[in-house]
PDB file of N, CA and C in Angstrom:
ATOM      1  N   MET A   1     -77.262-114.326-103.169  1.00  0.00           N
ATOM      2  CA  MET A   1     -76.971-113.018-102.660  1.00  0.00           C
ATOM      3  C   MET A   1     -77.830-111.974-103.351  1.00  0.00           C
ATOM      4  N   ALA A   2     -78.365-111.106-102.561  1.00  0.00           N
ATOM      5  CA  ALA A   2     -79.190-110.041-103.107  1.00  0.00           C
ATOM      6  C   ALA A   2     -78.325-108.822-103.393  1.00  0.00           C
ATOM      7  N   LYS A   3     -78.546-108.256-104.550  1.00  0.00           N
ATOM      8  CA  LYS A   3     -77.804-107.049-104.907  1.00  0.00           C
ATOM      9  C   LYS A   3     -78.490-105.846-104.291  1.00  0.00           C
ATOM     10  N   THR A   4     -77.690-104.976-103.766  1.00  0.00           N
ATOM     11  CA  THR A   4     -78.241-103.744-103.200  1.00  0.00           C
ATOM     12  C   THR A   4     -78.013-102.609-104.181  1.00  0.00           C
ATOM     13  N   LYS A   5     -78.970-101.739-104.251  1.00  0.00           N
ATOM     14  CA  LYS A   5     -78.846-100.593-105.137  1.00  0.00           C
ATOM     15  C   LYS A   5     -78.007 -99.514-104.475  1.00  0.00           C
ATOM     16  N   LYS A   6     -77.109 -98.990-105.231  1.00  0.00           N
ATOM     17  CA  LYS A   6     -76.289 -97.895-104.722  1.00  0.00           C
ATOM     18  C   LYS A   6     -76.930 -96.585-105.124  1.00  0.00           C
ATOM     19  N   THR A   7     -77.000 -95.686-104.185  1.00  0.00           N
ATOM     20  CA  THR A   7     -77.543 -94.377-104.499  1.00  0.00           C
ATOM     21  C   THR A   7     -76.458 -93.545-105.164  1.00  0.00           C
ATOM     22  N   PRO A   8     -76.810 -92.769-106.161  1.00  0.00           N
ATOM     23  CA  PRO A   8     -75.793 -91.954-106.837  1.00  0.00           C
ATOM     24  C   PRO A   8     -75.246 -90.880-105.902  1.00  0.00           C
ATOM     25  N   LYS A   9     -73.968 -90.638-106.039  1.00  0.00           N
ATOM     26  CA  LYS A   9     -73.306 -89.626-105.226  1.00  0.00           C
ATOM     27  C   LYS A   9     -73.639 -88.241-105.755  1.00  0.00           C
ATOM     28  N   VAL A  10     -73.986 -87.346-104.868  1.00  0.00           N
ATOM     29  CA  VAL A  10     -74.262 -85.977-105.263  1.00  0.00           C
ATOM     30  C   VAL A  10     -72.993 -85.166-105.029  1.00  0.00           C
ATOM     31  N   VAL A  11     -72.410 -84.707-106.108  1.00  0.00           N
ATOM     32  CA  VAL A  11     -71.181 -83.934-106.033  1.00  0.00           C
ATOM     33  C   VAL A  11     -71.547 -82.460-106.072  1.00  0.00           C
ATOM     34  N   ARG A  12     -71.181 -81.773-105.037  1.00  0.00           N
ATOM     35  CA  ARG A  12     -71.462 -80.346-104.974  1.00  0.00           C
ATOM     36  C   ARG A  12     -70.328 -79.581-105.630  1.00  0.00           C
ATOM     37  N   ARG A  13     -70.670 -78.739-106.563  1.00  0.00           N
ATOM     38  CA  ARG A  13     -69.661 -77.988-107.289  1.00  0.00           C
ATOM     39  C   ARG A  13     -69.092 -76.880-106.408  1.00  0.00           C
ATOM     40  N   LYS A  14     -67.769 -76.754-106.424  1.00  0.00           N
ATOM     41  CA  LYS A  14     -67.115 -75.718-105.634  1.00  0.00           C
ATOM     42  C   LYS A  14     -67.229 -74.384-106.356  1.00  0.00           C
ATOM     43  N   ILE A  15     -67.321 -73.336-105.574  1.00  0.00           N
ATOM     44  CA  ILE A  15     -67.481 -71.992-106.121  1.00  0.00           C
ATOM     45  C   ILE A  15     -66.201 -71.210-105.863  1.00  0.00           C
ATOM     46  N   CYS A  16     -65.787 -70.470-106.854  1.00  0.00           N
ATOM     47  CA  CYS A  16     -64.572 -69.665-106.745  1.00  0.00           C
ATOM     48  C   CYS A  16     -64.794 -68.555-105.707  1.00  0.00           C
ATOM     49  N   LYS A  17     -63.965 -68.544-104.674  1.00  0.00           N
ATOM     50  CA  LYS A  17     -64.095 -67.535-103.619  1.00  0.00           C
ATOM     51  C   LYS A  17     -63.718 -66.145-104.117  1.00  0.00           C
ATOM     52  N   LEU A  18     -62.810 -66.097-105.080  1.00  0.00           N
ATOM     53  CA  LEU A  18     -62.404 -64.802-105.614  1.00  0.00           C
ATOM     54  C   LEU A  18     -63.508 -64.186-106.466  1.00  0.00           C
ATOM     55  N   CYS A  19     -64.270 -65.022-107.159  1.00  0.00           N
ATOM     56  CA  CYS A  19     -65.412 -64.507-107.922  1.00  0.00           C
ATOM     57  C   CYS A  19     -66.499 -63.997-106.971  1.00  0.00           C
ATOM     58  N   LEU A  20     -66.680 -64.692-105.843  1.00  0.00           N
ATOM     59  CA  LEU A  20     -67.672 -64.246-104.861  1.00  0.00           C
ATOM     60  C   LEU A  20     -67.285 -62.906-104.249  1.00  0.00           C
ATOM     61  N   ASP A  21     -65.983 -62.720-104.021  1.00  0.00           N
ATOM     62  CA  ASP A  21     -65.487 -61.456-103.459  1.00  0.00           C
ATOM     63  C   ASP A  21     -65.321 -60.381-104.519  1.00  0.00           C
ATOM     64  N   ARG A  22     -65.586 -60.724-105.776  1.00  0.00           N
ATOM     65  CA  ARG A  22     -65.472 -59.817-106.925  1.00  0.00           C
ATOM     66  C   ARG A  22     -64.070 -59.226-107.051  1.00  0.00           C
ATOM     67  N   VAL A  23     -63.088 -60.121-106.948  1.00  0.00           N
ATOM     68  CA  VAL A  23     -61.694 -59.722-107.116  1.00  0.00           C
ATOM     69  C   VAL A  23     -61.383 -59.710-108.604  1.00  0.00           C
ATOM     70  N   GLU A  24     -60.976 -58.573-109.115  1.00  0.00           N
ATOM     71  CA  GLU A  24     -60.645 -58.461-110.534  1.00  0.00           C
ATOM     72  C   GLU A  24     -59.243 -58.976-110.818  1.00  0.00           C
ATOM     73  N   GLN A  25     -58.278 -58.575-109.978  1.00  0.00           N
ATOM     74  CA  GLN A  25     -56.883 -58.942-110.188  1.00  0.00           C
ATOM     75  C   GLN A  25     -56.282 -59.379-108.863  1.00  0.00           C
ATOM     76  N   VAL A  26     -55.624 -60.528-108.839  1.00  0.00           N
ATOM     77  CA  VAL A  26     -54.938 -61.010-107.637  1.00  0.00           C
ATOM     78  C   VAL A  26     -53.588 -60.317-107.563  1.00  0.00           C
ATOM     79  N   ASP A  27     -53.301 -59.703-106.428  1.00  0.00           N
ATOM     80  CA  ASP A  27     -52.080 -58.927-106.267  1.00  0.00           C
ATOM     81  C   ASP A  27     -51.006 -59.769-105.591  1.00  0.00           C
ATOM     82  N   TYR A  28     -49.783 -59.682-106.066  1.00  0.00           N
ATOM     83  CA  TYR A  28     -48.692 -60.459-105.485  1.00  0.00           C
ATOM     84  C   TYR A  28     -48.295 -59.948-104.102  1.00  0.00           C
ATOM     85  N   LYS A  29     -48.740 -58.739-103.738  1.00  0.00           N
ATOM     86  CA  LYS A  29     -48.406 -58.175-102.429  1.00  0.00           C
ATOM     87  C   LYS A  29     -49.404 -58.574-101.348  1.00  0.00           C
ATOM     88  N   ASP A  30     -50.499 -59.229-101.738  1.00  0.00           N
ATOM     89  CA  ASP A  30     -51.515 -59.668-100.785  1.00  0.00           C
ATOM     90  C   ASP A  30     -51.112 -61.032-100.225  1.00  0.00           C
ATOM     91  N   GLU A  31     -50.228 -61.019 -99.226  1.00  0.00           N
ATOM     92  CA  GLU A  31     -49.650 -62.245 -98.695  1.00  0.00           C
ATOM     93  C   GLU A  31     -50.687 -63.147 -98.038  1.00  0.00           C
ATOM     94  N   ARG A  32     -51.668 -62.562 -97.379  1.00  0.00           N
ATOM     95  CA  ARG A  32     -52.669 -63.367 -96.679  1.00  0.00           C
ATOM     96  C   ARG A  32     -53.466 -64.221 -97.657  1.00  0.00           C
ATOM     97  N   ARG A  33     -53.840 -63.664 -98.781  1.00  0.00           N
ATOM     98  CA  ARG A  33     -54.575 -64.428 -99.793  1.00  0.00           C
ATOM     99  C   ARG A  33     -53.681 -65.481-100.447  1.00  0.00           C
ATOM    100  N   LEU A  34     -52.412 -65.145-100.648  1.00  0.00           N
ATOM    101  CA  LEU A  34     -51.503 -66.088-101.283  1.00  0.00           C
ATOM    102  C   LEU A  34     -51.150 -67.250-100.359  1.00  0.00           C
ATOM    103  N   TYR A  35     -51.058 -67.002 -99.053  1.00  0.00           N
ATOM    104  CA  TYR A  35     -50.768 -68.083 -98.122  1.00  0.00           C
ATOM    105  C   TYR A  35     -51.903 -69.101 -98.091  1.00  0.00           C
ATOM    106  N   ARG A  36     -53.136 -68.670 -98.353  1.00  0.00           N
ATOM    107  CA  ARG A  36     -54.253 -69.608 -98.424  1.00  0.00           C
ATOM    108  C   ARG A  36     -54.233 -70.421 -99.712  1.00  0.00           C
ATOM    109  N   ALA A  37     -53.485 -69.960-100.709  1.00  0.00           N
ATOM    110  CA  ALA A  37     -53.424 -70.639-101.996  1.00  0.00           C
ATOM    111  C   ALA A  37     -52.267 -71.621-102.093  1.00  0.00           C
ATOM    112  N   ILE A  38     -51.427 -71.709-101.048  1.00  0.00           N
ATOM    113  CA  ILE A  38     -50.323 -72.669-101.071  1.00  0.00           C
ATOM    114  C   ILE A  38     -50.450 -73.604 -99.878  1.00  0.00           C
ATOM    115  N   THR A  39     -49.864 -74.805-100.009  1.00  0.00           N
ATOM    116  CA  THR A  39     -49.901 -75.780 -98.930  1.00  0.00           C
ATOM    117  C   THR A  39     -48.824 -75.463 -97.901  1.00  0.00           C
ATOM    118  N   ASP A  40     -48.795 -76.258 -96.836  1.00  0.00           N
ATOM    119  CA  ASP A  40     -47.773 -76.053 -95.815  1.00  0.00           C
ATOM    120  C   ASP A  40     -46.386 -76.423 -96.333  1.00  0.00           C
ATOM    121  N   ARG A  41     -46.313 -77.194 -97.414  1.00  0.00           N
ATOM    122  CA  ARG A  41     -45.038 -77.543 -98.036  1.00  0.00           C
ATOM    123  C   ARG A  41     -44.594 -76.508 -99.050  1.00  0.00           C
ATOM    124  N   GLY A  42     -45.474 -75.562 -99.397  1.00  0.00           N
ATOM    125  CA  GLY A  42     -45.115 -74.510-100.334  1.00  0.00           C
ATOM    126  C   GLY A  42     -45.621 -74.719-101.745  1.00  0.00           C
ATOM    127  N   LYS A  43     -46.416 -75.774-101.959  1.00  0.00           N
ATOM    128  CA  LYS A  43     -46.945 -76.026-103.299  1.00  0.00           C
ATOM    129  C   LYS A  43     -48.223 -75.235-103.522  1.00  0.00           C
ATOM    130  N   ILE A  44     -48.486 -74.872-104.755  1.00  0.00           N
ATOM    131  CA  ILE A  44     -49.705 -74.155-105.097  1.00  0.00           C
ATOM    132  C   ILE A  44     -50.847 -75.167-105.151  1.00  0.00           C
ATOM    133  N   VAL A  45     -51.955 -74.848-104.475  1.00  0.00           N
ATOM    134  CA  VAL A  45     -53.106 -75.753-104.410  1.00  0.00           C
ATOM    135  C   VAL A  45     -53.787 -75.800-105.777  1.00  0.00           C
ATOM    136  N   PRO A  46     -54.056 -77.012-106.318  1.00  0.00           N
ATOM    137  CA  PRO A  46     -54.680 -77.105-107.636  1.00  0.00           C
ATOM    138  C   PRO A  46     -56.135 -76.648-107.652  1.00  0.00           C
ATOM    139  N   ARG A  47     -56.636 -76.391-108.837  1.00  0.00           N
ATOM    140  CA  ARG A  47     -57.997 -75.892-109.026  1.00  0.00           C
ATOM    141  C   ARG A  47     -59.051 -76.851-108.499  1.00  0.00           C
ATOM    142  N   ARG A  48     -58.863 -78.142-108.731  1.00  0.00           N
ATOM    143  CA  ARG A  48     -59.889 -79.111-108.344  1.00  0.00           C
ATOM    144  C   ARG A  48     -60.046 -79.204-106.834  1.00  0.00           C
ATOM    145  N   ILE A  49     -59.029 -78.797-106.094  1.00  0.00           N
ATOM    146  CA  ILE A  49     -59.111 -78.805-104.638  1.00  0.00           C
ATOM    147  C   ILE A  49     -59.565 -77.453-104.108  1.00  0.00           C
ATOM    148  N   SER A  50     -59.021 -76.382-104.650  1.00  0.00           N
ATOM    149  CA  SER A  50     -59.351 -75.047-104.150  1.00  0.00           C
ATOM    150  C   SER A  50     -60.715 -74.564-104.631  1.00  0.00           C
ATOM    151  N   GLY A  51     -61.132 -75.003-105.821  1.00  0.00           N
ATOM    152  CA  GLY A  51     -62.415 -74.574-106.360  1.00  0.00           C
ATOM    153  C   GLY A  51     -62.340 -73.269-107.127  1.00  0.00           C
ATOM    154  N   ASN A  52     -61.142 -72.789-107.412  1.00  0.00           N
ATOM    155  CA  ASN A  52     -60.996 -71.537-108.155  1.00  0.00           C
ATOM    156  C   ASN A  52     -61.358 -71.734-109.619  1.00  0.00           C
ATOM    157  N   CYS A  53     -61.791 -70.660-110.250  1.00  0.00           N
ATOM    158  CA  CYS A  53     -62.023 -70.708-111.690  1.00  0.00           C
ATOM    159  C   CYS A  53     -60.671 -70.618-112.381  1.00  0.00           C
ATOM    160  N   SER A  54     -60.641 -70.911-113.673  1.00  0.00           N
ATOM    161  CA  SER A  54     -59.363 -70.965-114.384  1.00  0.00           C
ATOM    162  C   SER A  54     -58.685 -69.601-114.453  1.00  0.00           C
ATOM    163  N   ARG A  55     -59.473 -68.548-114.604  1.00  0.00           N
ATOM    164  CA  ARG A  55     -58.893 -67.205-114.689  1.00  0.00           C
ATOM    165  C   ARG A  55     -58.207 -66.818-113.384  1.00  0.00           C
ATOM    166  N   HIS A  56     -58.875 -67.035-112.257  1.00  0.00           N
ATOM    167  CA  HIS A  56     -58.290 -66.671-110.972  1.00  0.00           C
ATOM    168  C   HIS A  56     -57.146 -67.612-110.587  1.00  0.00           C
ATOM    169  N   GLN A  57     -57.233 -68.881-110.980  1.00  0.00           N
ATOM    170  CA  GLN A  57     -56.140 -69.805-110.675  1.00  0.00           C
ATOM    171  C   GLN A  57     -54.870 -69.379-111.399  1.00  0.00           C
ATOM    172  N   ALA A  58     -54.993 -68.927-112.629  1.00  0.00           N
ATOM    173  CA  ALA A  58     -53.826 -68.446-113.371  1.00  0.00           C
ATOM    174  C   ALA A  58     -53.253 -67.189-112.725  1.00  0.00           C
ATOM    175  N   GLN A  59     -54.118 -66.318-112.231  1.00  0.00           N
ATOM    176  CA  GLN A  59     -53.646 -65.106-111.550  1.00  0.00           C
ATOM    177  C   GLN A  59     -52.961 -65.457-110.237  1.00  0.00           C
ATOM    178  N   ILE A  60     -53.491 -66.434-109.512  1.00  0.00           N
ATOM    179  CA  ILE A  60     -52.870 -66.869-108.258  1.00  0.00           C
ATOM    180  C   ILE A  60     -51.496 -67.463-108.538  1.00  0.00           C
ATOM    181  N   ARG A  61     -51.403 -68.297-109.567  1.00  0.00           N
ATOM    182  CA  ARG A  61     -50.130 -68.917-109.931  1.00  0.00           C
ATOM    183  C   ARG A  61     -49.081 -67.857-110.239  1.00  0.00           C
ATOM    184  N   ARG A  62     -49.476 -66.876-111.029  1.00  0.00           N
ATOM    185  CA  ARG A  62     -48.561 -65.802-111.408  1.00  0.00           C
ATOM    186  C   ARG A  62     -48.158 -64.977-110.182  1.00  0.00           C
ATOM    187  N   ALA A  63     -49.113 -64.672-109.314  1.00  0.00           N
ATOM    188  CA  ALA A  63     -48.833 -63.855-108.130  1.00  0.00           C
ATOM    189  C   ALA A  63     -47.942 -64.595-107.141  1.00  0.00           C
ATOM    190  N   VAL A  64     -48.156 -65.904-106.967  1.00  0.00           N
ATOM    191  CA  VAL A  64     -47.322 -66.689-106.053  1.00  0.00           C
ATOM    192  C   VAL A  64     -45.883 -66.725-106.559  1.00  0.00           C
ATOM    193  N   LYS A  65     -45.718 -66.923-107.850  1.00  0.00           N
ATOM    194  CA  LYS A  65     -44.370 -66.971-108.407  1.00  0.00           C
ATOM    195  C   LYS A  65     -43.658 -65.624-108.259  1.00  0.00           C
ATOM    196  N   ARG A  66     -44.371 -64.539-108.465  1.00  0.00           N
ATOM    197  CA  ARG A  66     -43.765 -63.211-108.293  1.00  0.00           C
ATOM    198  C   ARG A  66     -43.411 -62.951-106.835  1.00  0.00           C
ATOM    199  N   ALA A  67     -44.301 -63.336-105.928  1.00  0.00           N
ATOM    200  CA  ALA A  67     -44.051 -63.121-104.506  1.00  0.00           C
ATOM    201  C   ALA A  67     -42.881 -63.962-104.018  1.00  0.00           C
ATOM    202  N   ARG A  68     -42.701 -65.147-104.585  1.00  0.00           N
ATOM    203  CA  ARG A  68     -41.549 -65.979-104.221  1.00  0.00           C
ATOM    204  C   ARG A  68     -40.244 -65.322-104.670  1.00  0.00           C
ATOM    205  N   ILE A  69     -40.228 -64.789-105.878  1.00  0.00           N
ATOM    206  CA  ILE A  69     -39.017 -64.148-106.403  1.00  0.00           C
ATOM    207  C   ILE A  69     -38.643 -62.938-105.555  1.00  0.00           C
ATOM    208  N   LEU A  70     -39.652 -62.188-105.107  1.00  0.00           N
ATOM    209  CA  LEU A  70     -39.394 -60.994-104.292  1.00  0.00           C
ATOM    210  C   LEU A  70     -39.245 -61.315-102.808  1.00  0.00           C
ATOM    211  N   ALA A  71     -39.252 -62.604-102.452  1.00  0.00           N
ATOM    212  CA  ALA A  71     -39.066 -63.090-101.082  1.00  0.00           C
ATOM    213  C   ALA A  71     -40.178 -62.632-100.141  1.00  0.00           C
ATOM    214  N   LEU A  72     -41.386 -62.461-100.660  1.00  0.00           N
ATOM    215  CA  LEU A  72     -42.520 -62.147 -99.794  1.00  0.00           C
ATOM    216  C   LEU A  72     -43.083 -63.408 -99.159  1.00  0.00           C
ATOM    217  N   ILE A  73     -43.016 -64.523 -99.887  1.00  0.00           N
ATOM    218  CA  ILE A  73     -43.400 -65.829 -99.351  1.00  0.00           C
ATOM    219  C   ILE A  73     -42.272 -66.805 -99.683  1.00  0.00           C
ATOM    220  N   PRO A  74     -42.106 -67.859 -98.873  1.00  0.00           N
ATOM    221  CA  PRO A  74     -40.983 -68.776 -99.115  1.00  0.00           C
ATOM    222  C   PRO A  74     -41.254 -69.723-100.279  1.00  0.00           C
ATOM    223  N   PHE A  75     -40.178 -70.222-100.886  1.00  0.00           N
ATOM    224  CA  PHE A  75     -40.297 -71.217-101.941  1.00  0.00           C
ATOM    225  C   PHE A  75     -40.753 -72.553-101.372  1.00  0.00           C
ATOM    226  N   GLU A  76     -40.242 -72.909-100.186  1.00  0.00           N
ATOM    227  CA  GLU A  76     -40.643 -74.146 -99.550  1.00  0.00           C
ATOM    228  C   GLU A  76     -40.619 -73.946 -98.042  1.00  0.00           C
ATOM    229  N   SER A  77     -41.204 -74.910 -97.336  1.00  0.00           N
ATOM    230  CA  SER A  77     -41.307 -74.806 -95.897  1.00  0.00           C
ATOM    231  C   SER A  77     -39.998 -75.227 -95.237  1.00  0.00           C
ATOM    232  N   ASP A  78     -39.777 -74.745 -94.024  1.00  0.00           N
ATOM    233  CA  ASP A  78     -38.580 -75.112 -93.267  1.00  0.00           C
ATOM    234  C   ASP A  78     -38.824 -76.327 -92.387  1.00  0.00           C
ATOM    235  N   SER A  79     -39.985 -76.955 -92.487  1.00  0.00           N
ATOM    236  CA  SER A  79     -40.357 -78.035 -91.582  1.00  0.00           C
ATOM    237  C   SER A  79     -39.923 -79.416 -92.050  1.00  0.00           C
ATOM    238  N   TYR A  80     -38.962 -79.499 -92.988  1.00  0.00           N
ATOM    239  CA  TYR A  80     -38.531 -80.825 -93.461  1.00  0.00           C
ATOM    240  C   TYR A  80     -37.655 -81.484 -92.439  1.00  0.00           C
TER     241      TYR A  80
END
């Protein structure tokens, strides 16, 4: 059997969309941005999937939790 050479995978690094938009602070009242940061089940999307930097991911986490407490976004989906 002849061995075939595998070509190395080129992994493209994700870029933080909030850094591109030059967002300084994520606001808990910005529901449209927060809905993009959570899944349809209501979980917060992790950094490795969303591509956010650590600073903005922490701000998103804090804003989502505040918006949930104030009932601006739901804790979980009703589709169970």
